[in-house]
Structure formats: structure tokens, C-alpha cells
N, C-alpha and C. Protein backbone atom coordinates (compact mmCIF):
# COMPACT_ATOMS: atom_id res chain seq x y z
N MET A 1 95.30 76.94 111.48
CA MET A 1 96.21 77.68 112.18
C MET A 1 97.68 76.97 111.73
N SER A 2 98.63 77.60 111.43
CA SER A 2 100.00 77.19 111.24
C SER A 2 100.87 77.59 112.28
N THR A 3 102.15 76.70 112.53
CA THR A 3 103.06 77.14 113.50
C THR A 3 104.42 77.30 112.82
N LEU A 4 105.12 78.37 113.10
CA LEU A 4 106.37 78.49 112.51
C LEU A 4 107.38 78.11 113.53
N LYS A 5 108.60 77.77 113.08
CA LYS A 5 109.76 77.53 114.15
C LYS A 5 110.93 78.46 114.01
N LEU A 6 111.18 78.83 115.19
CA LEU A 6 112.63 79.75 115.23
C LEU A 6 113.77 78.93 115.10
N THR A 7 114.77 79.42 114.45
CA THR A 7 115.93 78.72 114.21
C THR A 7 117.17 79.78 114.24
N ALA A 8 118.21 79.13 114.70
CA ALA A 8 119.51 80.03 114.78
C ALA A 8 120.00 80.09 113.33
N ILE A 9 120.23 81.57 113.15
CA ILE A 9 121.02 81.88 111.76
C ILE A 9 122.15 82.83 112.27
N GLY A 10 123.35 82.22 112.35
CA GLY A 10 124.48 82.88 112.74
C GLY A 10 124.26 83.25 114.29
N THR A 11 124.61 84.61 114.36
CA THR A 11 124.02 85.17 115.94
C THR A 11 122.78 85.78 116.12
N SER A 12 122.04 85.45 115.01
CA SER A 12 120.65 86.07 114.91
C SER A 12 119.68 84.85 115.23
N THR A 13 118.32 85.15 115.08
CA THR A 13 117.13 84.18 115.09
C THR A 13 116.37 84.45 114.05
N GLY A 14 116.13 83.39 113.24
CA GLY A 14 115.09 83.60 112.11
C GLY A 14 113.94 82.64 112.17
N VAL A 15 113.07 82.70 111.18
CA VAL A 15 111.86 81.89 111.26
C VAL A 15 111.81 81.13 109.85
N VAL A 16 111.32 79.83 109.97
CA VAL A 16 110.96 79.11 108.81
C VAL A 16 109.74 79.40 108.44
N ILE A 17 109.41 79.66 107.32
CA ILE A 17 108.01 79.78 106.76
C ILE A 17 107.86 78.53 105.77
N PRO A 18 106.71 77.86 105.92
CA PRO A 18 106.76 76.66 105.03
C PRO A 18 106.27 77.15 103.50
N LYS A 19 106.69 76.32 102.48
CA LYS A 19 106.55 76.72 101.17
C LYS A 19 105.12 76.94 100.81
N GLU A 20 104.06 76.41 101.45
CA GLU A 20 102.67 76.43 101.07
C GLU A 20 102.29 77.84 101.65
N MET A 21 102.72 78.36 102.73
CA MET A 21 102.35 79.67 103.25
C MET A 21 103.01 80.70 102.23
N LEU A 22 104.21 80.58 102.00
CA LEU A 22 104.72 81.49 100.92
C LEU A 22 104.09 81.47 99.59
N ASN A 23 103.70 80.50 99.12
CA ASN A 23 102.83 80.50 97.98
C ASN A 23 101.54 81.04 97.94
N ARG A 24 101.04 81.08 99.15
CA ARG A 24 99.49 81.80 99.40
C ARG A 24 99.82 83.26 99.70
N MET A 25 100.93 83.51 100.13
CA MET A 25 101.17 85.08 100.31
C MET A 25 101.72 85.62 98.80
N LYS A 26 102.06 84.79 97.95
CA LYS A 26 102.78 85.08 96.82
C LYS A 26 104.02 85.74 96.94
N VAL A 27 105.05 85.34 97.80
CA VAL A 27 106.12 85.64 97.87
C VAL A 27 107.19 84.75 97.85
N SER A 28 108.42 84.97 97.62
CA SER A 28 109.42 84.33 97.61
C SER A 28 110.63 84.52 98.20
N ARG A 29 111.60 83.81 98.18
CA ARG A 29 113.01 84.28 98.86
C ARG A 29 113.39 85.60 98.27
N GLY A 30 113.94 86.50 99.25
CA GLY A 30 114.19 87.88 98.90
C GLY A 30 113.28 88.90 98.95
N ASP A 31 111.84 88.51 98.92
CA ASP A 31 110.92 89.52 99.22
C ASP A 31 110.85 90.02 100.61
N THR A 32 110.11 91.19 100.64
CA THR A 32 109.96 91.72 101.92
C THR A 32 108.69 91.50 102.65
N LEU A 33 108.60 91.25 103.78
CA LEU A 33 107.33 90.88 104.57
C LEU A 33 107.34 92.11 105.51
N PHE A 34 106.16 92.64 105.73
CA PHE A 34 105.94 93.56 106.76
C PHE A 34 105.11 93.02 108.03
N VAL A 35 105.43 93.42 109.22
CA VAL A 35 105.19 93.03 110.40
C VAL A 35 104.24 94.17 111.05
N SER A 36 102.94 94.15 111.48
CA SER A 36 102.12 95.09 112.22
C SER A 36 101.66 94.64 113.48
N GLU A 37 101.99 95.26 114.73
CA GLU A 37 101.43 94.82 115.65
C GLU A 37 99.77 95.10 115.98
N THR A 38 98.80 94.38 116.33
CA THR A 38 97.79 94.50 116.32
C THR A 38 97.00 94.13 117.69
N PRO A 39 95.93 94.40 118.12
CA PRO A 39 95.28 94.02 119.47
C PRO A 39 95.35 92.41 119.63
N GLY A 40 95.19 91.79 118.53
CA GLY A 40 95.17 90.18 118.66
C GLY A 40 96.55 89.51 118.51
N GLY A 41 97.75 90.24 118.25
CA GLY A 41 98.83 89.80 118.05
C GLY A 41 99.85 90.59 117.04
N TYR A 42 100.44 89.92 116.10
CA TYR A 42 101.28 90.28 115.10
C TYR A 42 100.80 90.13 113.70
N LEU A 43 100.66 90.77 112.84
CA LEU A 43 100.29 90.45 111.37
C LEU A 43 101.41 90.69 110.55
N VAL A 44 101.61 89.54 109.71
CA VAL A 44 102.76 89.43 108.88
C VAL A 44 102.25 89.31 107.28
N THR A 45 102.42 90.39 106.68
CA THR A 45 101.84 90.57 105.40
C THR A 45 102.86 90.97 104.38
N PRO A 46 102.71 90.72 103.25
CA PRO A 46 103.78 91.34 102.01
C PRO A 46 103.26 92.60 101.57
N TYR A 47 102.14 93.06 102.01
CA TYR A 47 101.60 94.34 101.47
C TYR A 47 102.12 95.50 102.63
N ASP A 48 102.84 96.56 102.08
CA ASP A 48 103.11 97.73 102.66
C ASP A 48 102.15 98.49 103.16
N PRO A 49 101.87 98.85 104.39
CA PRO A 49 100.64 99.41 104.83
C PRO A 49 100.78 101.06 104.36
N ALA A 50 102.04 101.56 104.26
CA ALA A 50 102.10 102.98 103.79
C ALA A 50 101.78 102.96 102.40
N VAL A 51 102.12 102.06 101.55
CA VAL A 51 101.59 101.97 100.11
C VAL A 51 100.11 101.88 100.13
N ALA A 52 99.49 100.93 100.84
CA ALA A 52 98.06 100.76 100.92
C ALA A 52 97.44 102.23 101.04
N ALA A 53 97.85 102.95 102.03
CA ALA A 53 97.34 104.36 102.51
C ALA A 53 97.51 105.32 101.01
N GLN A 54 98.31 105.26 100.43
CA GLN A 54 98.82 106.11 99.25
C GLN A 54 97.87 105.70 98.27
N VAL A 55 97.73 104.48 97.96
CA VAL A 55 96.72 103.90 96.93
C VAL A 55 95.39 104.39 97.07
N GLU A 56 94.94 104.46 98.59
CA GLU A 56 93.63 104.74 98.70
C GLU A 56 93.38 106.23 98.69
N ALA A 57 94.49 106.94 99.00
CA ALA A 57 94.59 108.39 98.66
C ALA A 57 94.49 108.63 97.15
N GLY A 58 95.30 108.01 96.31
CA GLY A 58 94.90 108.09 94.94
C GLY A 58 93.45 107.86 94.38
N ARG A 59 92.80 106.77 95.08
CA ARG A 59 91.47 106.30 94.73
C ARG A 59 90.55 107.59 94.93
N HIS A 60 90.57 108.15 96.10
CA HIS A 60 89.89 109.22 96.63
C HIS A 60 89.94 110.52 95.57
N PHE A 61 91.44 110.85 95.32
CA PHE A 61 91.62 111.79 94.36
C PHE A 61 90.95 111.72 93.16
N MET A 62 91.26 110.45 92.53
CA MET A 62 90.61 110.01 91.19
C MET A 62 89.22 110.21 91.13
N LYS A 63 88.42 109.80 92.31
CA LYS A 63 87.04 109.86 92.45
C LYS A 63 86.68 111.25 92.40
N ASP A 64 87.36 112.27 93.07
CA ASP A 64 86.98 113.74 93.26
C ASP A 64 87.18 114.24 91.84
N TYR A 65 88.00 113.89 91.02
CA TYR A 65 88.16 114.55 89.77
C TYR A 65 88.07 113.56 88.52
N ARG A 66 87.07 112.79 88.85
CA ARG A 66 86.62 111.77 87.61
C ARG A 66 86.37 112.73 86.25
N ASP A 67 85.58 113.68 86.56
CA ASP A 67 85.02 114.34 85.13
C ASP A 67 86.56 114.92 84.53
N THR A 68 87.44 115.20 85.08
CA THR A 68 88.70 115.81 84.51
C THR A 68 89.43 114.89 84.06
N PHE A 69 89.69 113.65 84.58
CA PHE A 69 90.19 112.42 84.06
C PHE A 69 89.49 111.69 82.83
N LYS A 70 88.15 111.94 82.80
CA LYS A 70 87.48 111.55 81.69
C LYS A 70 87.76 112.57 80.39
N ALA A 71 87.57 113.68 80.77
CA ALA A 71 88.09 114.63 79.64
C ALA A 71 89.45 114.51 79.12
N LEU A 72 90.40 114.27 79.96
CA LEU A 72 91.73 114.10 79.59
C LEU A 72 91.84 112.66 78.72
N ALA A 73 91.02 111.82 79.16
CA ALA A 73 91.13 110.48 78.28
C ALA A 73 90.44 110.65 76.88
N GLU A 74 89.64 111.56 76.55
CA GLU A 74 89.24 111.65 75.18
C GLU A 74 90.05 112.23 74.17
């Protein structure tokens, strides 16, 4: 478990994320992180849940039309 420190940034409050944690999430300065509230607390992730749902819908669509995509690839 890691701890994060809150710090003042002008009139706002920010959080300092250690470099090792950023490397493990494969993000860097300027990237966007997404925060979701879960029953166990908050989840911070670099992956947009809306995009994940769209990718899953695409996979389902491709599975349903597998034969069509195979014919198009020939």
C-alpha cells in the first residue's frame, strides 16, 4: 500500500504521486487519470471506463460477425 500527500497548489489542493507509481500506471505529466467511486473506496486508473465499454461492445460485435469479417479480409 502506498500513501499520497495532499499539497496546496495555488488556491486548490493537489496530490503528489510518486514516480514509481506513475511508471507502473504507464502515465506521465499531462496525462489524464480517471477516478471511480467503488464500495471499497476510490479507484484511480489511466483507463477511461467509457472507452472500455466501447471496446467490449466492439469485441462483441466482431464476434457476432466473425464470418463477415473473415470474408472481407480475403
